[in-house]
Amino acid sequence: MNLIKLNEINSELQEAVNKVQEGQIIQKQLTNSRDSLSTLRNKLKVLEEQFRKEERDVEKLQSISFSNLLHSLINDKPEKLSEEEQEVLVVKVQMDRLQYEITAEVDRIHTLNEKLSKVVNSQESYEAIYQQKKAFIEIEMPDRWQEISKLALELEAMMLKQKEINEALSAGNRVVHCILGIESSLDSAEGWGTFDILGGGTLSTIIKRNHMSEAQNQINELTHLLTTYKQELGDIGNTIDINLGIDDFIGFADWFFDGFFVDLAVQSKIQEAIGQISDLKQRVESINNRLENENREIVDKGKAVKSQQDEIIQGI
């Protein structure tokens, strides 16, 4: 039997299989991202409609930055903001969050479409090479084709599962990296918050607020990364329950007020956020550890199946 020819066919087939599986994964990701984008746009539309009913200028709210909006509402007045003005700020944070996620999802869809265009004809290439291998083996070893084909399909299924696990692991690692940044910002905000409570003055207040603002921006990014992570986990039959509960307090809570008791309340919120973020990191790391173990098991099984397949071919 011409093993050199068979190895050449196997190499071409492996490359084709890789592209087919890459295309399958991208198609899943595109479906998830399009569904997510639709949901996000609907949520934003609901907020906009709610604002319009109150005869507010939605376009102006979207175009102005949070800091500028805050200063325009405060306008150097000593008293705290009214309940209505506070609600405007809360909605602004929510709208900024949704707009961030929408932009990120649109960018992701664009990137995925570009990737998909590179493997669009992979199924046809795979079918052609598969038929070539089938014809070769049917001539060289007709009685063993079914057995070899079954093992090949097992290997392909394992490879696809491994790729999906690696996608989930990569998404999880991005989540953990983002969480580390949030933890750093919150830790700094907590430290300066303590100094602020003890009478640190205007400088400590400004530095604390800057760190809170950093954490808010990072939480916006984390929200999008978690959406992707949940999608990737769903593709391999895993789930994660995520309820941060820290979305909308970061970045503006003590801008309205000035006083010891309010500073204490903000400090408590920062500490609560640190605990929730730390808990989330532990859950993600636990899932990633489990996925890494599962990945190693698949690699070991794949080696065993490949060895079995090679023994059949080489023994003929």
C-alpha atoms as a PDB file:
ATOM      1  CA  MET A   1       0.000   0.000   0.000  1.00  0.00           C
ATOM      2  CA  ASN A   2       1.206   3.529  -0.818  1.00  0.00           C
ATOM      3  CA  LEU A   3       1.468   5.003   2.693  1.00  0.00           C
ATOM      4  CA  ILE A   4       3.139   8.168   1.389  1.00  0.00           C
ATOM      5  CA  LYS A   5       0.098   8.909  -0.764  1.00  0.00           C
ATOM      6  CA  LEU A   6      -2.243   8.168   2.136  1.00  0.00           C
ATOM      7  CA  ASN A   7      -0.289  10.485   4.439  1.00  0.00           C
ATOM      8  CA  GLU A   8      -0.528  13.264   1.857  1.00  0.00           C
ATOM      9  CA  ILE A   9      -4.286  12.795   1.631  1.00  0.00           C
ATOM     10  CA  ASN A  10      -4.573  12.712   5.428  1.00  0.00           C
ATOM     11  CA  SER A  11      -2.622  15.959   5.720  1.00  0.00           C
ATOM     12  CA  GLU A  12      -4.873  17.698   3.190  1.00  0.00           C
ATOM     13  CA  LEU A  13      -7.957  16.264   4.852  1.00  0.00           C
ATOM     14  CA  GLN A  14      -6.807  17.451   8.279  1.00  0.00           C
ATOM     15  CA  GLU A  15      -6.366  20.980   6.971  1.00  0.00           C
ATOM     16  CA  ALA A  16      -9.838  20.855   5.417  1.00  0.00           C
ATOM     17  CA  VAL A  17     -11.356  19.524   8.656  1.00  0.00           C
ATOM     18  CA  ASN A  18      -9.751  22.368  10.605  1.00  0.00           C
ATOM     19  CA  LYS A  19     -11.302  24.944   8.287  1.00  0.00           C
ATOM     20  CA  VAL A  20     -14.729  23.290   8.366  1.00  0.00           C
ATOM     21  CA  GLN A  21     -14.702  23.224  12.164  1.00  0.00           C
ATOM     22  CA  GLU A  22     -13.492  26.806  12.318  1.00  0.00           C
ATOM     23  CA  GLY A  23     -16.412  27.771  10.096  1.00  0.00           C
ATOM     24  CA  GLN A  24     -18.866  25.897  12.336  1.00  0.00           C
ATOM     25  CA  ILE A  25     -17.564  27.679  15.425  1.00  0.00           C
ATOM     26  CA  ILE A  26     -17.712  31.080  13.701  1.00  0.00           C
ATOM     27  CA  GLN A  27     -21.289  30.428  12.565  1.00  0.00           C
ATOM     28  CA  LYS A  28     -22.311  29.677  16.164  1.00  0.00           C
ATOM     29  CA  GLN A  29     -20.562  32.806  17.381  1.00  0.00           C
ATOM     30  CA  LEU A  30     -22.254  34.906  14.703  1.00  0.00           C
ATOM     31  CA  THR A  31     -25.679  33.585  15.660  1.00  0.00           C
ATOM     32  CA  ASN A  32     -25.011  34.329  19.328  1.00  0.00           C
ATOM     33  CA  SER A  33     -23.668  37.813  18.584  1.00  0.00           C
ATOM     34  CA  ARG A  34     -26.596  38.719  16.327  1.00  0.00           C
ATOM     35  CA  ASP A  35     -29.073  37.562  18.973  1.00  0.00           C
ATOM     36  CA  SER A  36     -27.165  39.514  21.621  1.00  0.00           C
ATOM     37  CA  LEU A  37     -27.074  42.643  19.436  1.00  0.00           C
ATOM     38  CA  SER A  38     -30.829  42.459  18.874  1.00  0.00           C
ATOM     39  CA  THR A  39     -31.450  42.132  22.622  1.00  0.00           C
ATOM     40  CA  LEU A  40     -29.155  45.057  23.444  1.00  0.00           C
ATOM     41  CA  ARG A  41     -30.782  47.314  20.847  1.00  0.00           C
ATOM     42  CA  ASN A  42     -34.222  46.459  22.202  1.00  0.00           C
ATOM     43  CA  LYS A  43     -33.099  47.330  25.735  1.00  0.00           C
ATOM     44  CA  LEU A  44     -31.698  50.652  24.526  1.00  0.00           C
ATOM     45  CA  LYS A  45     -34.907  51.370  22.634  1.00  0.00           C
ATOM     46  CA  VAL A  46     -36.963  50.786  25.791  1.00  0.00           C
ATOM     47  CA  LEU A  47     -34.799  53.278  27.713  1.00  0.00           C
ATOM     48  CA  GLU A  48     -35.073  55.831  24.912  1.00  0.00           C
ATOM     49  CA  GLU A  49     -38.854  55.448  24.730  1.00  0.00           C
ATOM     50  CA  GLN A  50     -39.094  55.828  28.488  1.00  0.00           C
ATOM     51  CA  PHE A  51     -37.118  59.037  28.255  1.00  0.00           C
ATOM     52  CA  ARG A  52     -39.182  60.400  25.366  1.00  0.00           C
ATOM     53  CA  LYS A  53     -42.399  59.823  27.301  1.00  0.00           C
ATOM     54  CA  GLU A  54     -40.974  62.153  29.919  1.00  0.00           C
ATOM     55  CA  GLU A  55     -40.329  64.662  27.107  1.00  0.00           C
ATOM     56  CA  ARG A  56     -36.584  64.507  27.506  1.00  0.00           C
ATOM     57  CA  ASP A  57     -33.982  65.073  24.798  1.00  0.00           C
ATOM     58  CA  VAL A  58     -32.642  61.557  24.161  1.00  0.00           C
ATOM     59  CA  GLU A  59     -30.204  62.632  21.460  1.00  0.00           C
ATOM     60  CA  LYS A  60     -28.679  65.257  23.736  1.00  0.00           C
ATOM     61  CA  LEU A  61     -28.346  62.717  26.531  1.00  0.00           C
ATOM     62  CA  GLN A  62     -26.557  60.291  24.200  1.00  0.00           C
ATOM     63  CA  SER A  63     -24.149  62.883  22.814  1.00  0.00           C
ATOM     64  CA  ILE A  64     -22.982  64.378  26.103  1.00  0.00           C
ATOM     65  CA  SER A  65     -20.373  62.682  28.278  1.00  0.00           C
ATOM     66  CA  PHE A  66     -21.295  61.527  31.756  1.00  0.00           C
ATOM     67  CA  SER A  67     -18.946  64.027  33.429  1.00  0.00           C
ATOM     68  CA  ASN A  68     -20.318  66.950  31.393  1.00  0.00           C
ATOM     69  CA  LEU A  69     -23.876  65.886  32.148  1.00  0.00           C
ATOM     70  CA  LEU A  70     -23.080  65.673  35.836  1.00  0.00           C
ATOM     71  CA  HIS A  71     -21.485  69.122  35.927  1.00  0.00           C
ATOM     72  CA  SER A  72     -24.386  70.631  33.971  1.00  0.00           C
ATOM     73  CA  LEU A  73     -26.830  69.266  36.533  1.00  0.00           C
ATOM     74  CA  ILE A  74     -24.776  70.266  39.558  1.00  0.00           C
ATOM     75  CA  ASN A  75     -23.775  73.681  38.173  1.00  0.00           C
ATOM     76  CA  ASP A  76     -21.875  74.463  41.375  1.00  0.00           C
ATOM     77  CA  LYS A  77     -25.012  74.360  43.531  1.00  0.00           C
ATOM     78  CA  PRO A  78     -24.353  73.246  47.108  1.00  0.00           C
ATOM     79  CA  GLU A  79     -27.544  71.255  47.630  1.00  0.00           C
ATOM     80  CA  LYS A  80     -27.829  67.662  46.534  1.00  0.00           C
ATOM     81  CA  LEU A  81     -29.381  66.781  43.208  1.00  0.00           C
ATOM     82  CA  SER A  82     -33.105  66.198  43.057  1.00  0.00           C
ATOM     83  CA  GLU A  83     -34.453  62.669  42.754  1.00  0.00           C
ATOM     84  CA  GLU A  84     -35.380  63.380  39.131  1.00  0.00           C
ATOM     85  CA  GLU A  85     -31.852  64.562  38.327  1.00  0.00           C
ATOM     86  CA  GLN A  86     -30.361  61.500  39.987  1.00  0.00           C
ATOM     87  CA  GLU A  87     -32.626  59.320  37.838  1.00  0.00           C
ATOM     88  CA  VAL A  88     -31.271  61.069  34.739  1.00  0.00           C
ATOM     89  CA  LEU A  89     -27.735  60.139  35.768  1.00  0.00           C
ATOM     90  CA  VAL A  90     -28.706  56.527  36.429  1.00  0.00           C
ATOM     91  CA  VAL A  91     -30.318  56.265  32.993  1.00  0.00           C
ATOM     92  CA  LYS A  92     -27.253  57.898  31.433  1.00  0.00           C
ATOM     93  CA  VAL A  93     -25.019  55.207  32.965  1.00  0.00           C
ATOM     94  CA  GLN A  94     -27.362  52.488  31.690  1.00  0.00           C
ATOM     95  CA  MET A  95     -27.492  53.967  28.195  1.00  0.00           C
ATOM     96  CA  ASP A  96     -23.712  54.337  28.046  1.00  0.00           C
ATOM     97  CA  ARG A  97     -23.353  50.715  29.127  1.00  0.00           C
ATOM     98  CA  LEU A  98     -25.738  49.488  26.437  1.00  0.00           C
ATOM     99  CA  GLN A  99     -24.129  51.653  23.758  1.00  0.00           C
ATOM    100  CA  TYR A 100     -20.702  50.298  24.713  1.00  0.00           C
ATOM    101  CA  GLU A 101     -21.964  46.727  24.428  1.00  0.00           C
ATOM    102  CA  ILE A 102     -23.735  47.433  21.128  1.00  0.00           C
ATOM    103  CA  THR A 103     -20.576  48.925  19.607  1.00  0.00           C
ATOM    104  CA  ALA A 104     -18.491  45.993  20.852  1.00  0.00           C
ATOM    105  CA  GLU A 105     -21.000  43.471  19.469  1.00  0.00           C
ATOM    106  CA  VAL A 106     -21.122  45.201  16.065  1.00  0.00           C
ATOM    107  CA  ASP A 107     -17.308  45.137  15.917  1.00  0.00           C
ATOM    108  CA  ARG A 108     -17.314  41.447  16.853  1.00  0.00           C
ATOM    109  CA  ILE A 109     -19.830  40.595  14.127  1.00  0.00           C
ATOM    110  CA  HIS A 110     -17.697  42.448  11.574  1.00  0.00           C
ATOM    111  CA  THR A 111     -14.585  40.532  12.679  1.00  0.00           C
ATOM    112  CA  LEU A 112     -16.419  37.196  12.601  1.00  0.00           C
ATOM    113  CA  ASN A 113     -17.752  37.864   9.094  1.00  0.00           C
ATOM    114  CA  GLU A 114     -14.204  38.566   7.912  1.00  0.00           C
ATOM    115  CA  LYS A 115     -13.017  35.283   9.446  1.00  0.00           C
ATOM    116  CA  LEU A 116     -15.930  33.390   7.919  1.00  0.00           C
ATOM    117  CA  SER A 117     -15.151  34.705   4.428  1.00  0.00           C
ATOM    118  CA  LYS A 118     -11.765  32.960   4.609  1.00  0.00           C
ATOM    119  CA  VAL A 119     -13.302  29.513   5.187  1.00  0.00           C
ATOM    120  CA  VAL A 120     -16.529  29.912   3.219  1.00  0.00           C
ATOM    121  CA  ASN A 121     -15.705  27.110   0.737  1.00  0.00           C
ATOM    122  CA  SER A 122     -14.180  24.758   3.297  1.00  0.00           C
ATOM    123  CA  GLN A 123     -17.042  22.237   3.234  1.00  0.00           C
ATOM    124  CA  GLU A 124     -16.704  21.694  -0.512  1.00  0.00           C
ATOM    125  CA  SER A 125     -12.929  21.213  -0.180  1.00  0.00           C
ATOM    126  CA  TYR A 126     -13.448  18.749   2.651  1.00  0.00           C
ATOM    127  CA  GLU A 127     -15.969  16.697   0.667  1.00  0.00           C
ATOM    128  CA  ALA A 128     -13.635  16.480  -2.329  1.00  0.00           C
ATOM    129  CA  ILE A 129     -10.634  15.324  -0.265  1.00  0.00           C
ATOM    130  CA  TYR A 130     -12.821  12.966   1.787  1.00  0.00           C
ATOM    131  CA  GLN A 131     -14.035  11.240  -1.370  1.00  0.00           C
ATOM    132  CA  GLN A 132     -10.445  11.004  -2.574  1.00  0.00           C
ATOM    133  CA  LYS A 133      -9.409   9.268   0.654  1.00  0.00           C
ATOM    134  CA  LYS A 134     -12.436   6.995   0.582  1.00  0.00           C
ATOM    135  CA  ALA A 135     -11.652   5.891  -2.966  1.00  0.00           C
ATOM    136  CA  PHE A 136      -8.011   5.272  -2.057  1.00  0.00           C
ATOM    137  CA  ILE A 137      -8.790   3.130   0.988  1.00  0.00           C
ATOM    138  CA  GLU A 138     -11.609   1.230  -0.736  1.00  0.00           C
ATOM    139  CA  ILE A 139      -9.090   0.150  -3.347  1.00  0.00           C
ATOM    140  CA  GLU A 140      -6.196  -0.566  -0.978  1.00  0.00           C
ATOM    141  CA  MET A 141      -8.152  -2.060   1.946  1.00  0.00           C
ATOM    142  CA  PRO A 142     -11.875  -2.388   1.118  1.00  0.00           C
ATOM    143  CA  ASP A 143     -12.672  -4.528   4.173  1.00  0.00           C
ATOM    144  CA  ARG A 144     -11.345  -1.936   6.656  1.00  0.00           C
ATOM    145  CA  TRP A 145     -12.916   1.276   5.312  1.00  0.00           C
ATOM    146  CA  GLN A 146     -15.876   1.331   7.727  1.00  0.00           C
ATOM    147  CA  GLU A 147     -13.638   0.838  10.750  1.00  0.00           C
ATOM    148  CA  ILE A 148     -11.147   3.499   9.686  1.00  0.00           C
ATOM    149  CA  SER A 149     -13.943   5.918   8.782  1.00  0.00           C
ATOM    150  CA  LYS A 150     -15.591   5.482  12.185  1.00  0.00           C
ATOM    151  CA  LEU A 151     -12.340   6.272  13.983  1.00  0.00           C
ATOM    152  CA  ALA A 152     -11.805   9.316  11.761  1.00  0.00           C
ATOM    153  CA  LEU A 153     -15.249  10.660  12.668  1.00  0.00           C
ATOM    154  CA  GLU A 154     -14.490  10.145  16.361  1.00  0.00           C
ATOM    155  CA  LEU A 155     -11.298  12.150  15.972  1.00  0.00           C
ATOM    156  CA  GLU A 156     -13.111  14.966  14.168  1.00  0.00           C
ATOM    157  CA  ALA A 157     -15.733  15.178  16.933  1.00  0.00           C
ATOM    158  CA  MET A 158     -12.992  15.342  19.574  1.00  0.00           C
ATOM    159  CA  MET A 159     -11.155  18.054  17.666  1.00  0.00           C
ATOM    160  CA  LEU A 160     -14.304  20.164  17.389  1.00  0.00           C
ATOM    161  CA  LYS A 161     -15.016  19.779  21.104  1.00  0.00           C
ATOM    162  CA  GLN A 162     -11.426  20.732  21.904  1.00  0.00           C
ATOM    163  CA  LYS A 163     -11.628  23.862  19.758  1.00  0.00           C
ATOM    164  CA  GLU A 164     -14.861  24.938  21.433  1.00  0.00           C
ATOM    165  CA  ILE A 165     -13.328  24.377  24.869  1.00  0.00           C
ATOM    166  CA  ASN A 166     -10.306  26.467  23.860  1.00  0.00           C
ATOM    167  CA  GLU A 167     -12.636  29.257  22.687  1.00  0.00           C
ATOM    168  CA  ALA A 168     -14.364  29.198  26.089  1.00  0.00           C
ATOM    169  CA  LEU A 169     -11.021  29.157  27.906  1.00  0.00           C
ATOM    170  CA  SER A 170      -9.791  32.163  25.928  1.00  0.00           C
ATOM    171  CA  ALA A 171     -13.005  34.048  26.711  1.00  0.00           C
ATOM    172  CA  GLY A 172     -12.659  33.130  30.391  1.00  0.00           C
ATOM    173  CA  ASN A 173      -9.058  34.312  30.500  1.00  0.00           C
ATOM    174  CA  ARG A 174     -10.112  37.662  29.026  1.00  0.00           C
ATOM    175  CA  VAL A 175     -12.754  37.954  31.760  1.00  0.00           C
ATOM    176  CA  VAL A 176     -10.200  37.229  34.499  1.00  0.00           C
ATOM    177  CA  HIS A 177      -7.755  39.772  33.041  1.00  0.00           C
ATOM    178  CA  CYS A 178     -10.480  42.429  33.029  1.00  0.00           C
ATOM    179  CA  ILE A 179     -11.487  41.554  36.600  1.00  0.00           C
ATOM    180  CA  LEU A 180      -7.891  42.036  37.753  1.00  0.00           C
ATOM    181  CA  GLY A 181      -8.000  45.570  36.367  1.00  0.00           C
ATOM    182  CA  ILE A 182     -11.305  46.272  38.130  1.00  0.00           C
ATOM    183  CA  GLU A 183      -9.942  44.917  41.401  1.00  0.00           C
ATOM    184  CA  SER A 184      -6.952  47.232  41.118  1.00  0.00           C
ATOM    185  CA  SER A 185      -9.157  50.277  40.471  1.00  0.00           C
ATOM    186  CA  LEU A 186     -11.558  49.411  43.290  1.00  0.00           C
ATOM    187  CA  ASP A 187      -8.726  48.716  45.728  1.00  0.00           C
ATOM    188  CA  SER A 188      -7.259  52.127  44.925  1.00  0.00           C
ATOM    189  CA  ALA A 189     -10.680  53.772  45.271  1.00  0.00           C
ATOM    190  CA  GLU A 190     -11.143  52.067  48.636  1.00  0.00           C
ATOM    191  CA  GLY A 191      -7.754  53.255  49.871  1.00  0.00           C
ATOM    192  CA  TRP A 192      -8.346  56.845  48.828  1.00  0.00           C
ATOM    193  CA  GLY A 193     -11.909  56.605  50.152  1.00  0.00           C
ATOM    194  CA  THR A 194     -10.591  55.776  53.606  1.00  0.00           C
ATOM    195  CA  PHE A 195      -8.236  58.752  53.380  1.00  0.00           C
ATOM    196  CA  ASP A 196     -11.181  60.889  52.221  1.00  0.00           C
ATOM    197  CA  ILE A 197     -13.288  59.866  55.235  1.00  0.00           C
ATOM    198  CA  LEU A 198     -10.422  60.742  57.559  1.00  0.00           C
ATOM    199  CA  GLY A 199     -10.355  64.246  56.122  1.00  0.00           C
ATOM    200  CA  GLY A 200      -8.022  63.883  53.170  1.00  0.00           C
ATOM    201  CA  GLY A 201      -9.495  66.900  51.437  1.00  0.00           C
ATOM    202  CA  THR A 202     -10.340  67.720  47.836  1.00  0.00           C
ATOM    203  CA  LEU A 203      -7.339  65.933  46.313  1.00  0.00           C
ATOM    204  CA  SER A 204      -8.207  62.581  47.893  1.00  0.00           C
ATOM    205  CA  THR A 205     -11.826  62.968  46.750  1.00  0.00           C
ATOM    206  CA  ILE A 206     -10.760  63.648  43.158  1.00  0.00           C
ATOM    207  CA  ILE A 207      -8.344  60.695  43.083  1.00  0.00           C
ATOM    208  CA  LYS A 208     -10.989  58.381  44.566  1.00  0.00           C
ATOM    209  CA  ARG A 209     -13.516  59.506  41.952  1.00  0.00           C
ATOM    210  CA  ASN A 210     -11.006  58.928  39.153  1.00  0.00           C
ATOM    211  CA  HIS A 211     -10.449  55.346  40.300  1.00  0.00           C
ATOM    212  CA  MET A 212     -14.224  54.829  40.551  1.00  0.00           C
ATOM    213  CA  SER A 213     -14.606  56.148  37.013  1.00  0.00           C
ATOM    214  CA  GLU A 214     -11.883  53.740  35.817  1.00  0.00           C
ATOM    215  CA  ALA A 215     -13.730  50.866  37.470  1.00  0.00           C
ATOM    216  CA  GLN A 216     -16.981  51.932  35.771  1.00  0.00           C
ATOM    217  CA  ASN A 217     -15.350  51.847  32.332  1.00  0.00           C
ATOM    218  CA  GLN A 218     -13.808  48.458  33.072  1.00  0.00           C
ATOM    219  CA  ILE A 219     -17.170  47.114  34.259  1.00  0.00           C
ATOM    220  CA  ASN A 220     -18.659  48.187  30.919  1.00  0.00           C
ATOM    221  CA  GLU A 221     -16.011  46.074  29.194  1.00  0.00           C
ATOM    222  CA  LEU A 222     -16.526  43.211  31.654  1.00  0.00           C
ATOM    223  CA  THR A 223     -20.243  43.116  30.891  1.00  0.00           C
ATOM    224  CA  HIS A 224     -19.513  42.536  27.215  1.00  0.00           C
ATOM    225  CA  LEU A 225     -16.789  39.971  27.931  1.00  0.00           C
ATOM    226  CA  LEU A 226     -19.147  38.061  30.228  1.00  0.00           C
ATOM    227  CA  THR A 227     -21.789  37.945  27.499  1.00  0.00           C
ATOM    228  CA  THR A 228     -19.259  36.375  25.128  1.00  0.00           C
ATOM    229  CA  TYR A 229     -18.055  33.996  27.852  1.00  0.00           C
ATOM    230  CA  LYS A 230     -21.593  32.797  28.576  1.00  0.00           C
ATOM    231  CA  GLN A 231     -22.140  32.201  24.854  1.00  0.00           C
ATOM    232  CA  GLU A 232     -18.948  30.166  24.541  1.00  0.00           C
ATOM    233  CA  LEU A 233     -19.846  28.119  27.625  1.00  0.00           C
ATOM    234  CA  GLY A 234     -23.311  27.504  26.205  1.00  0.00           C
ATOM    235  CA  ASP A 235     -21.754  26.031  23.057  1.00  0.00           C
ATOM    236  CA  ILE A 236     -20.151  23.291  25.158  1.00  0.00           C
ATOM    237  CA  GLY A 237     -23.068  22.743  27.519  1.00  0.00           C
ATOM    238  CA  ASN A 238     -21.775  24.794  30.460  1.00  0.00           C
ATOM    239  CA  THR A 239     -23.406  27.719  32.251  1.00  0.00           C
ATOM    240  CA  ILE A 240     -22.414  30.416  34.725  1.00  0.00           C
ATOM    241  CA  ASP A 241     -24.820  32.413  36.882  1.00  0.00           C
ATOM    242  CA  ILE A 242     -23.767  36.053  36.788  1.00  0.00           C
ATOM    243  CA  ASN A 243     -25.445  38.837  38.733  1.00  0.00           C
ATOM    244  CA  LEU A 244     -22.974  41.597  39.445  1.00  0.00           C
ATOM    245  CA  GLY A 245     -25.375  44.010  41.078  1.00  0.00           C
ATOM    246  CA  ILE A 246     -22.704  46.731  41.011  1.00  0.00           C
ATOM    247  CA  ASP A 247     -23.478  48.215  37.616  1.00  0.00           C
ATOM    248  CA  ASP A 248     -24.816  51.650  38.247  1.00  0.00           C
ATOM    249  CA  PHE A 249     -23.374  52.980  41.483  1.00  0.00           C
ATOM    250  CA  ILE A 250     -19.756  53.309  40.350  1.00  0.00           C
ATOM    251  CA  GLY A 251     -18.569  56.672  39.132  1.00  0.00           C
ATOM    252  CA  PHE A 252     -21.214  59.081  40.372  1.00  0.00           C
ATOM    253  CA  ALA A 253     -22.615  58.166  43.784  1.00  0.00           C
ATOM    254  CA  ASP A 254     -20.766  60.729  45.873  1.00  0.00           C
ATOM    255  CA  TRP A 255     -20.612  63.422  43.199  1.00  0.00           C
ATOM    256  CA  PHE A 256     -24.081  64.591  44.261  1.00  0.00           C
ATOM    257  CA  PHE A 257     -23.299  64.849  47.925  1.00  0.00           C
ATOM    258  CA  ASP A 258     -20.654  65.954  50.295  1.00  0.00           C
ATOM    259  CA  GLY A 259     -20.673  64.616  53.806  1.00  0.00           C
ATOM    260  CA  PHE A 260     -19.199  62.073  56.160  1.00  0.00           C
ATOM    261  CA  PHE A 261     -22.167  59.684  56.174  1.00  0.00           C
ATOM    262  CA  VAL A 262     -22.457  59.660  52.404  1.00  0.00           C
ATOM    263  CA  ASP A 263     -18.711  58.995  52.091  1.00  0.00           C
ATOM    264  CA  LEU A 264     -19.172  56.031  54.420  1.00  0.00           C
ATOM    265  CA  ALA A 265     -22.023  54.726  52.268  1.00  0.00           C
ATOM    266  CA  VAL A 266     -19.926  55.015  49.109  1.00  0.00           C
ATOM    267  CA  GLN A 267     -17.035  53.264  50.851  1.00  0.00           C
ATOM    268  CA  SER A 268     -19.383  50.432  51.803  1.00  0.00           C
ATOM    269  CA  LYS A 269     -20.514  50.146  48.173  1.00  0.00           C
ATOM    270  CA  ILE A 270     -16.917  49.971  46.969  1.00  0.00           C
ATOM    271  CA  GLN A 271     -16.158  47.195  49.458  1.00  0.00           C
ATOM    272  CA  GLU A 272     -19.294  45.340  48.372  1.00  0.00           C
ATOM    273  CA  ALA A 273     -18.203  45.600  44.740  1.00  0.00           C
ATOM    274  CA  ILE A 274     -14.740  44.272  45.600  1.00  0.00           C
ATOM    275  CA  GLY A 275     -16.325  41.223  47.227  1.00  0.00           C
ATOM    276  CA  GLN A 276     -18.642  40.556  44.281  1.00  0.00           C
ATOM    277  CA  ILE A 277     -15.867  40.935  41.726  1.00  0.00           C
ATOM    278  CA  SER A 278     -13.597  38.630  43.734  1.00  0.00           C
ATOM    279  CA  ASP A 279     -16.363  36.018  43.920  1.00  0.00           C
ATOM    280  CA  LEU A 280     -16.913  36.241  40.164  1.00  0.00           C
ATOM    281  CA  LYS A 281     -13.205  35.773  39.500  1.00  0.00           C
ATOM    282  CA  GLN A 282     -13.152  32.627  41.642  1.00  0.00           C
ATOM    283  CA  ARG A 283     -16.138  31.186  39.770  1.00  0.00           C
ATOM    284  CA  VAL A 284     -14.605  31.883  36.364  1.00  0.00           C
ATOM    285  CA  GLU A 285     -11.255  30.430  37.415  1.00  0.00           C
ATOM    286  CA  SER A 286     -13.020  27.332  38.761  1.00  0.00           C
ATOM    287  CA  ILE A 287     -14.837  26.817  35.458  1.00  0.00           C
ATOM    288  CA  ASN A 288     -11.618  27.356  33.505  1.00  0.00           C
ATOM    289  CA  ASN A 289      -9.802  24.783  35.645  1.00  0.00           C
ATOM    290  CA  ARG A 290     -12.563  22.287  34.936  1.00  0.00           C
ATOM    291  CA  LEU A 291     -12.373  23.021  31.209  1.00  0.00           C
ATOM    292  CA  GLU A 292      -8.598  22.566  31.197  1.00  0.00           C
ATOM    293  CA  ASN A 293      -9.014  19.138  32.812  1.00  0.00           C
ATOM    294  CA  GLU A 294     -11.673  18.227  30.259  1.00  0.00           C
ATOM    295  CA  ASN A 295      -9.389  19.407  27.478  1.00  0.00           C
ATOM    296  CA  ARG A 296      -6.554  17.189  28.701  1.00  0.00           C
ATOM    297  CA  GLU A 297      -8.900  14.183  28.796  1.00  0.00           C
ATOM    298  CA  ILE A 298      -9.946  14.814  25.191  1.00  0.00           C
ATOM    299  CA  VAL A 299      -6.312  15.091  24.097  1.00  0.00           C
ATOM    300  CA  ASP A 300      -5.512  11.745  25.743  1.00  0.00           C
ATOM    301  CA  LYS A 301      -8.547  10.059  24.169  1.00  0.00           C
ATOM    302  CA  GLY A 302      -7.654  11.526  20.789  1.00  0.00           C
ATOM    303  CA  LYS A 303      -4.141  10.131  20.991  1.00  0.00           C
ATOM    304  CA  ALA A 304      -5.550   6.679  21.775  1.00  0.00           C
ATOM    305  CA  VAL A 305      -7.979   6.759  18.833  1.00  0.00           C
ATOM    306  CA  LYS A 306      -5.275   8.057  16.477  1.00  0.00           C
ATOM    307  CA  SER A 307      -2.934   5.281  17.607  1.00  0.00           C
ATOM    308  CA  GLN A 308      -5.669   2.711  16.969  1.00  0.00           C
ATOM    309  CA  GLN A 309      -6.273   4.117  13.505  1.00  0.00           C
ATOM    310  CA  ASP A 310      -2.554   4.104  12.660  1.00  0.00           C
ATOM    311  CA  GLU A 311      -2.197   0.486  13.788  1.00  0.00           C
ATOM    312  CA  ILE A 312      -4.971  -0.594  11.408  1.00  0.00           C
ATOM    313  CA  ILE A 313      -3.463   1.212   8.433  1.00  0.00           C
ATOM    314  CA  GLN A 314       0.127   0.192   9.099  1.00  0.00           C
ATOM    315  CA  GLY A 315      -0.846  -3.418   9.771  1.00  0.00           C
ATOM    316  CA  ILE A 316      -2.300  -3.916   6.318  1.00  0.00           C
END
